Amino acid sequence: MPSLFPQLFDFQQIAPLILRVVLGVVFIVHGYPKLFKNYSQTVQFFESVGLKPGKVLVFVSGSVEFFGGIFLVIGLFTQAAAGLLAINMAVALFWVKIYKSKAKFSGGYEFDLILFILAIALLFLGAGALALDLPL
Protein backbone atom coordinates (compact mmCIF):
# COMPACT_ATOMS: atom_id res chain seq x y z
CA MET A 1 0.00 0.00 0.00
CA PRO A 2 1.48 3.41 -0.96
CA SER A 3 2.22 5.61 2.01
CA LEU A 4 3.97 8.88 2.74
CA PHE A 5 5.65 7.26 5.74
CA PRO A 6 6.16 3.55 4.99
CA GLN A 7 8.65 3.22 7.85
CA LEU A 8 5.76 3.76 10.30
CA PHE A 9 4.22 0.44 9.24
CA ASP A 10 6.78 -1.22 11.50
CA PHE A 11 4.95 0.34 14.45
CA GLN A 12 1.37 -0.68 13.62
CA GLN A 13 0.86 -2.29 17.02
CA ILE A 14 1.54 1.01 18.79
CA ALA A 15 -1.66 2.70 17.52
CA PRO A 16 -4.04 0.23 19.25
CA LEU A 17 -1.92 0.51 22.40
CA ILE A 18 -2.33 4.30 22.49
CA LEU A 19 -6.03 4.04 21.68
CA ARG A 20 -6.56 1.31 24.29
CA VAL A 21 -4.83 3.14 27.15
CA VAL A 22 -6.40 6.55 26.49
CA LEU A 23 -9.88 5.08 26.04
CA GLY A 24 -9.44 2.95 29.15
CA VAL A 25 -8.50 5.96 31.28
CA VAL A 26 -11.52 7.90 29.97
CA PHE A 27 -13.87 5.05 30.89
CA ILE A 28 -12.29 4.60 34.34
CA VAL A 29 -12.77 8.31 35.03
CA HIS A 30 -16.43 8.13 33.94
CA GLY A 31 -17.24 4.81 35.62
CA TYR A 32 -15.70 5.53 39.02
CA PRO A 33 -18.22 8.22 40.08
CA LYS A 34 -21.15 6.07 38.98
CA LEU A 35 -20.07 3.30 41.33
CA PHE A 36 -18.35 5.06 44.21
CA LYS A 37 -19.26 8.76 44.40
CA ASN A 38 -22.52 9.86 42.76
CA TYR A 39 -24.42 6.58 42.78
CA SER A 40 -27.76 7.93 44.03
CA GLN A 41 -27.71 10.98 41.72
CA THR A 42 -26.91 8.75 38.77
CA VAL A 43 -29.77 6.40 39.71
CA GLN A 44 -32.14 9.37 39.73
CA PHE A 45 -30.88 10.51 36.33
CA PHE A 46 -31.20 7.04 34.80
CA GLU A 47 -34.77 6.73 36.04
CA SER A 48 -35.63 10.24 34.82
CA VAL A 49 -34.76 9.23 31.25
CA GLY A 50 -36.65 5.95 31.50
CA LEU A 51 -33.79 3.57 32.25
CA LYS A 52 -35.34 1.43 34.97
CA PRO A 53 -34.56 -0.20 37.35
CA GLY A 54 -32.06 2.59 37.92
CA LYS A 55 -30.04 0.90 40.66
CA VAL A 56 -29.35 -2.17 38.56
CA LEU A 57 -28.59 -0.27 35.37
CA VAL A 58 -26.27 2.21 37.11
CA PHE A 59 -24.40 -0.70 38.68
CA VAL A 60 -24.11 -2.46 35.32
CA SER A 61 -23.15 0.69 33.40
CA GLY A 62 -20.68 1.86 36.05
CA SER A 63 -19.12 -1.60 36.30
CA VAL A 64 -18.76 -1.91 32.53
CA GLU A 65 -17.15 1.53 32.33
CA PHE A 66 -14.88 1.20 35.38
CA PHE A 67 -13.74 -2.40 35.05
CA GLY A 68 -13.86 -2.34 31.24
CA GLY A 69 -11.57 0.69 31.39
CA ILE A 70 -9.16 -1.16 33.67
CA PHE A 71 -9.16 -4.13 31.30
CA LEU A 72 -8.39 -1.82 28.38
CA VAL A 73 -5.50 -0.13 30.19
CA ILE A 74 -3.83 -3.44 31.08
CA GLY A 75 -4.79 -5.08 27.79
CA LEU A 76 -6.76 -7.97 29.26
CA PHE A 77 -9.91 -9.22 27.50
CA THR A 78 -9.54 -6.16 25.29
CA GLN A 79 -11.98 -7.11 22.56
CA ALA A 80 -14.64 -8.31 25.00
CA ALA A 81 -14.27 -5.14 27.08
CA ALA A 82 -14.41 -2.99 23.94
CA GLY A 83 -17.58 -4.77 22.82
CA LEU A 84 -19.31 -4.22 26.17
CA LEU A 85 -18.19 -0.60 26.24
CA ALA A 86 -19.52 -0.09 22.71
CA ILE A 87 -22.91 -1.46 23.77
CA ASN A 88 -22.86 0.79 26.84
CA MET A 89 -22.09 3.83 24.68
CA ALA A 90 -24.72 2.86 22.11
CA VAL A 91 -27.35 2.97 24.87
CA ALA A 92 -26.01 6.31 26.13
CA LEU A 93 -25.92 7.72 22.63
CA PHE A 94 -29.18 6.51 21.18
CA TRP A 95 -31.43 6.31 24.25
CA VAL A 96 -30.28 9.22 26.37
CA LYS A 97 -28.78 11.66 23.88
CA ILE A 98 -30.99 11.17 20.84
CA TYR A 99 -34.24 9.36 21.65
CA LYS A 100 -34.96 10.97 25.02
CA SER A 101 -33.45 14.37 24.18
CA LYS A 102 -35.96 17.15 23.72
CA ALA A 103 -33.74 18.89 21.17
CA LYS A 104 -32.79 16.24 18.61
CA PHE A 105 -29.16 16.43 17.50
CA SER A 106 -28.67 19.77 19.20
CA GLY A 107 -25.23 18.81 20.46
CA GLY A 108 -23.82 16.96 23.40
CA TYR A 109 -23.80 13.58 21.70
CA GLU A 110 -20.43 13.99 19.98
CA PHE A 111 -18.34 12.73 22.89
CA ASP A 112 -20.49 9.62 23.30
CA LEU A 113 -20.33 9.03 19.55
CA ILE A 114 -16.54 9.21 19.55
CA LEU A 115 -16.29 6.83 22.52
CA PHE A 116 -18.64 4.42 20.72
CA ILE A 117 -16.59 4.54 17.50
CA LEU A 118 -13.28 4.13 19.34
CA ALA A 119 -14.62 1.12 21.25
CA ILE A 120 -15.75 -0.43 17.94
CA ALA A 121 -12.30 0.27 16.48
CA LEU A 122 -10.63 -1.57 19.38
CA LEU A 123 -13.07 -4.44 18.96
CA PHE A 124 -11.77 -4.90 15.41
CA LEU A 125 -8.12 -3.94 15.96
CA GLY A 126 -7.42 -5.93 19.09
CA ALA A 127 -5.16 -4.93 21.95
CA GLY A 128 -1.98 -4.02 20.11
CA ALA A 129 1.40 -3.93 21.81
CA LEU A 130 2.07 -4.46 25.52
CA ALA A 131 -1.18 -6.29 26.22
CA LEU A 132 -1.83 -9.24 28.50
CA ASP A 133 -4.22 -10.97 26.12
CA LEU A 134 -4.25 -12.37 22.65
CA PRO A 135 -6.91 -11.42 20.07
CA LEU A 136 -10.15 -13.36 20.53
C-alpha atoms as a PDB file:
ATOM      1  CA  MET A   1       0.000   0.000   0.000  1.00  0.00           C
ATOM      2  CA  PRO A   2       1.479   3.406  -0.961  1.00  0.00           C
ATOM      3  CA  SER A   3       2.218   5.610   2.009  1.00  0.00           C
ATOM      4  CA  LEU A   4       3.966   8.879   2.737  1.00  0.00           C
ATOM      5  CA  PHE A   5       5.647   7.258   5.739  1.00  0.00           C
ATOM      6  CA  PRO A   6       6.160   3.548   4.986  1.00  0.00           C
ATOM      7  CA  GLN A   7       8.646   3.224   7.848  1.00  0.00           C
ATOM      8  CA  LEU A   8       5.763   3.761  10.296  1.00  0.00           C
ATOM      9  CA  PHE A   9       4.218   0.441   9.237  1.00  0.00           C
ATOM     10  CA  ASP A  10       6.784  -1.217  11.499  1.00  0.00           C
ATOM     11  CA  PHE A  11       4.948   0.344  14.455  1.00  0.00           C
ATOM     12  CA  GLN A  12       1.374  -0.682  13.618  1.00  0.00           C
ATOM     13  CA  GLN A  13       0.862  -2.293  17.020  1.00  0.00           C
ATOM     14  CA  ILE A  14       1.537   1.014  18.787  1.00  0.00           C
ATOM     15  CA  ALA A  15      -1.664   2.698  17.517  1.00  0.00           C
ATOM     16  CA  PRO A  16      -4.043   0.228  19.248  1.00  0.00           C
ATOM     17  CA  LEU A  17      -1.919   0.515  22.402  1.00  0.00           C
ATOM     18  CA  ILE A  18      -2.332   4.303  22.495  1.00  0.00           C
ATOM     19  CA  LEU A  19      -6.030   4.043  21.681  1.00  0.00           C
ATOM     20  CA  ARG A  20      -6.564   1.313  24.290  1.00  0.00           C
ATOM     21  CA  VAL A  21      -4.827   3.136  27.149  1.00  0.00           C
ATOM     22  CA  VAL A  22      -6.398   6.546  26.488  1.00  0.00           C
ATOM     23  CA  LEU A  23      -9.881   5.085  26.040  1.00  0.00           C
ATOM     24  CA  GLY A  24      -9.436   2.952  29.148  1.00  0.00           C
ATOM     25  CA  VAL A  25      -8.504   5.956  31.279  1.00  0.00           C
ATOM     26  CA  VAL A  26     -11.521   7.900  29.970  1.00  0.00           C
ATOM     27  CA  PHE A  27     -13.868   5.053  30.889  1.00  0.00           C
ATOM     28  CA  ILE A  28     -12.292   4.598  34.337  1.00  0.00           C
ATOM     29  CA  VAL A  29     -12.770   8.305  35.031  1.00  0.00           C
ATOM     30  CA  HIS A  30     -16.425   8.126  33.943  1.00  0.00           C
ATOM     31  CA  GLY A  31     -17.239   4.811  35.620  1.00  0.00           C
ATOM     32  CA  TYR A  32     -15.702   5.530  39.023  1.00  0.00           C
ATOM     33  CA  PRO A  33     -18.218   8.217  40.084  1.00  0.00           C
ATOM     34  CA  LYS A  34     -21.154   6.073  38.976  1.00  0.00           C
ATOM     35  CA  LEU A  35     -20.070   3.301  41.329  1.00  0.00           C
ATOM     36  CA  PHE A  36     -18.352   5.060  44.214  1.00  0.00           C
ATOM     37  CA  LYS A  37     -19.259   8.763  44.404  1.00  0.00           C
ATOM     38  CA  ASN A  38     -22.516   9.860  42.763  1.00  0.00           C
ATOM     39  CA  TYR A  39     -24.417   6.584  42.781  1.00  0.00           C
ATOM     40  CA  SER A  40     -27.760   7.930  44.025  1.00  0.00           C
ATOM     41  CA  GLN A  41     -27.710  10.981  41.724  1.00  0.00           C
ATOM     42  CA  THR A  42     -26.911   8.745  38.769  1.00  0.00           C
ATOM     43  CA  VAL A  43     -29.767   6.396  39.711  1.00  0.00           C
ATOM     44  CA  GLN A  44     -32.142   9.374  39.734  1.00  0.00           C
ATOM     45  CA  PHE A  45     -30.878  10.508  36.327  1.00  0.00           C
ATOM     46  CA  PHE A  46     -31.202   7.037  34.805  1.00  0.00           C
ATOM     47  CA  GLU A  47     -34.767   6.725  36.042  1.00  0.00           C
ATOM     48  CA  SER A  48     -35.632  10.244  34.824  1.00  0.00           C
ATOM     49  CA  VAL A  49     -34.760   9.226  31.253  1.00  0.00           C
ATOM     50  CA  GLY A  50     -36.653   5.951  31.496  1.00  0.00           C
ATOM     51  CA  LEU A  51     -33.794   3.568  32.247  1.00  0.00           C
ATOM     52  CA  LYS A  52     -35.345   1.425  34.973  1.00  0.00           C
ATOM     53  CA  PRO A  53     -34.564  -0.198  37.347  1.00  0.00           C
ATOM     54  CA  GLY A  54     -32.063   2.585  37.922  1.00  0.00           C
ATOM     55  CA  LYS A  55     -30.038   0.900  40.664  1.00  0.00           C
ATOM     56  CA  VAL A  56     -29.355  -2.173  38.562  1.00  0.00           C
ATOM     57  CA  LEU A  57     -28.586  -0.270  35.375  1.00  0.00           C
ATOM     58  CA  VAL A  58     -26.272   2.213  37.110  1.00  0.00           C
ATOM     59  CA  PHE A  59     -24.403  -0.696  38.685  1.00  0.00           C
ATOM     60  CA  VAL A  60     -24.112  -2.459  35.316  1.00  0.00           C
ATOM     61  CA  SER A  61     -23.151   0.686  33.397  1.00  0.00           C
ATOM     62  CA  GLY A  62     -20.684   1.860  36.049  1.00  0.00           C
ATOM     63  CA  SER A  63     -19.120  -1.598  36.296  1.00  0.00           C
ATOM     64  CA  VAL A  64     -18.755  -1.913  32.531  1.00  0.00           C
ATOM     65  CA  GLU A  65     -17.146   1.528  32.335  1.00  0.00           C
ATOM     66  CA  PHE A  66     -14.878   1.202  35.380  1.00  0.00           C
ATOM     67  CA  PHE A  67     -13.737  -2.401  35.049  1.00  0.00           C
ATOM     68  CA  GLY A  68     -13.857  -2.337  31.242  1.00  0.00           C
ATOM     69  CA  GLY A  69     -11.574   0.693  31.390  1.00  0.00           C
ATOM     70  CA  ILE A  70      -9.164  -1.161  33.674  1.00  0.00           C
ATOM     71  CA  PHE A  71      -9.165  -4.130  31.299  1.00  0.00           C
ATOM     72  CA  LEU A  72      -8.386  -1.817  28.382  1.00  0.00           C
ATOM     73  CA  VAL A  73      -5.500  -0.134  30.193  1.00  0.00           C
ATOM     74  CA  ILE A  74      -3.830  -3.439  31.077  1.00  0.00           C
ATOM     75  CA  GLY A  75      -4.793  -5.079  27.792  1.00  0.00           C
ATOM     76  CA  LEU A  76      -6.757  -7.970  29.263  1.00  0.00           C
ATOM     77  CA  PHE A  77      -9.908  -9.217  27.502  1.00  0.00           C
ATOM     78  CA  THR A  78      -9.538  -6.155  25.286  1.00  0.00           C
ATOM     79  CA  GLN A  79     -11.976  -7.115  22.559  1.00  0.00           C
ATOM     80  CA  ALA A  80     -14.642  -8.310  25.000  1.00  0.00           C
ATOM     81  CA  ALA A  81     -14.269  -5.138  27.081  1.00  0.00           C
ATOM     82  CA  ALA A  82     -14.414  -2.994  23.942  1.00  0.00           C
ATOM     83  CA  GLY A  83     -17.583  -4.770  22.819  1.00  0.00           C
ATOM     84  CA  LEU A  84     -19.312  -4.218  26.166  1.00  0.00           C
ATOM     85  CA  LEU A  85     -18.195  -0.597  26.244  1.00  0.00           C
ATOM     86  CA  ALA A  86     -19.515  -0.089  22.707  1.00  0.00           C
ATOM     87  CA  ILE A  87     -22.908  -1.463  23.773  1.00  0.00           C
ATOM     88  CA  ASN A  88     -22.859   0.793  26.840  1.00  0.00           C
ATOM     89  CA  MET A  89     -22.095   3.828  24.684  1.00  0.00           C
ATOM     90  CA  ALA A  90     -24.719   2.860  22.112  1.00  0.00           C
ATOM     91  CA  VAL A  91     -27.346   2.971  24.873  1.00  0.00           C
ATOM     92  CA  ALA A  92     -26.015   6.305  26.130  1.00  0.00           C
ATOM     93  CA  LEU A  93     -25.915   7.722  22.626  1.00  0.00           C
ATOM     94  CA  PHE A  94     -29.180   6.512  21.182  1.00  0.00           C
ATOM     95  CA  TRP A  95     -31.429   6.312  24.246  1.00  0.00           C
ATOM     96  CA  VAL A  96     -30.277   9.224  26.366  1.00  0.00           C
ATOM     97  CA  LYS A  97     -28.776  11.665  23.882  1.00  0.00           C
ATOM     98  CA  ILE A  98     -30.992  11.171  20.839  1.00  0.00           C
ATOM     99  CA  TYR A  99     -34.242   9.356  21.654  1.00  0.00           C
ATOM    100  CA  LYS A 100     -34.955  10.971  25.022  1.00  0.00           C
ATOM    101  CA  SER A 101     -33.450  14.367  24.179  1.00  0.00           C
ATOM    102  CA  LYS A 102     -35.959  17.147  23.724  1.00  0.00           C
ATOM    103  CA  ALA A 103     -33.740  18.886  21.168  1.00  0.00           C
ATOM    104  CA  LYS A 104     -32.794  16.243  18.613  1.00  0.00           C
ATOM    105  CA  PHE A 105     -29.159  16.433  17.501  1.00  0.00           C
ATOM    106  CA  SER A 106     -28.666  19.773  19.198  1.00  0.00           C
ATOM    107  CA  GLY A 107     -25.230  18.815  20.455  1.00  0.00           C
ATOM    108  CA  GLY A 108     -23.822  16.957  23.400  1.00  0.00           C
ATOM    109  CA  TYR A 109     -23.803  13.582  21.697  1.00  0.00           C
ATOM    110  CA  GLU A 110     -20.430  13.989  19.976  1.00  0.00           C
ATOM    111  CA  PHE A 111     -18.339  12.731  22.892  1.00  0.00           C
ATOM    112  CA  ASP A 112     -20.487   9.617  23.299  1.00  0.00           C
ATOM    113  CA  LEU A 113     -20.330   9.029  19.548  1.00  0.00           C
ATOM    114  CA  ILE A 114     -16.536   9.207  19.550  1.00  0.00           C
ATOM    115  CA  LEU A 115     -16.289   6.827  22.516  1.00  0.00           C
ATOM    116  CA  PHE A 116     -18.637   4.421  20.724  1.00  0.00           C
ATOM    117  CA  ILE A 117     -16.592   4.538  17.499  1.00  0.00           C
ATOM    118  CA  LEU A 118     -13.276   4.131  19.335  1.00  0.00           C
ATOM    119  CA  ALA A 119     -14.615   1.124  21.248  1.00  0.00           C
ATOM    120  CA  ILE A 120     -15.750  -0.429  17.942  1.00  0.00           C
ATOM    121  CA  ALA A 121     -12.301   0.266  16.482  1.00  0.00           C
ATOM    122  CA  LEU A 122     -10.634  -1.568  19.380  1.00  0.00           C
ATOM    123  CA  LEU A 123     -13.067  -4.436  18.960  1.00  0.00           C
ATOM    124  CA  PHE A 124     -11.771  -4.902  15.406  1.00  0.00           C
ATOM    125  CA  LEU A 125      -8.118  -3.939  15.958  1.00  0.00           C
ATOM    126  CA  GLY A 126      -7.423  -5.934  19.093  1.00  0.00           C
ATOM    127  CA  ALA A 127      -5.159  -4.933  21.946  1.00  0.00           C
ATOM    128  CA  GLY A 128      -1.985  -4.018  20.108  1.00  0.00           C
ATOM    129  CA  ALA A 129       1.401  -3.933  21.812  1.00  0.00           C
ATOM    130  CA  LEU A 130       2.074  -4.463  25.517  1.00  0.00           C
ATOM    131  CA  ALA A 131      -1.176  -6.294  26.222  1.00  0.00           C
ATOM    132  CA  LEU A 132      -1.830  -9.243  28.500  1.00  0.00           C
ATOM    133  CA  ASP A 133      -4.220 -10.973  26.123  1.00  0.00           C
ATOM    134  CA  LEU A 134      -4.254 -12.370  22.648  1.00  0.00           C
ATOM    135  CA  PRO A 135      -6.910 -11.422  20.074  1.00  0.00           C
ATOM    136  CA  LEU A 136     -10.149 -13.362  20.529  1.00  0.00           C
END
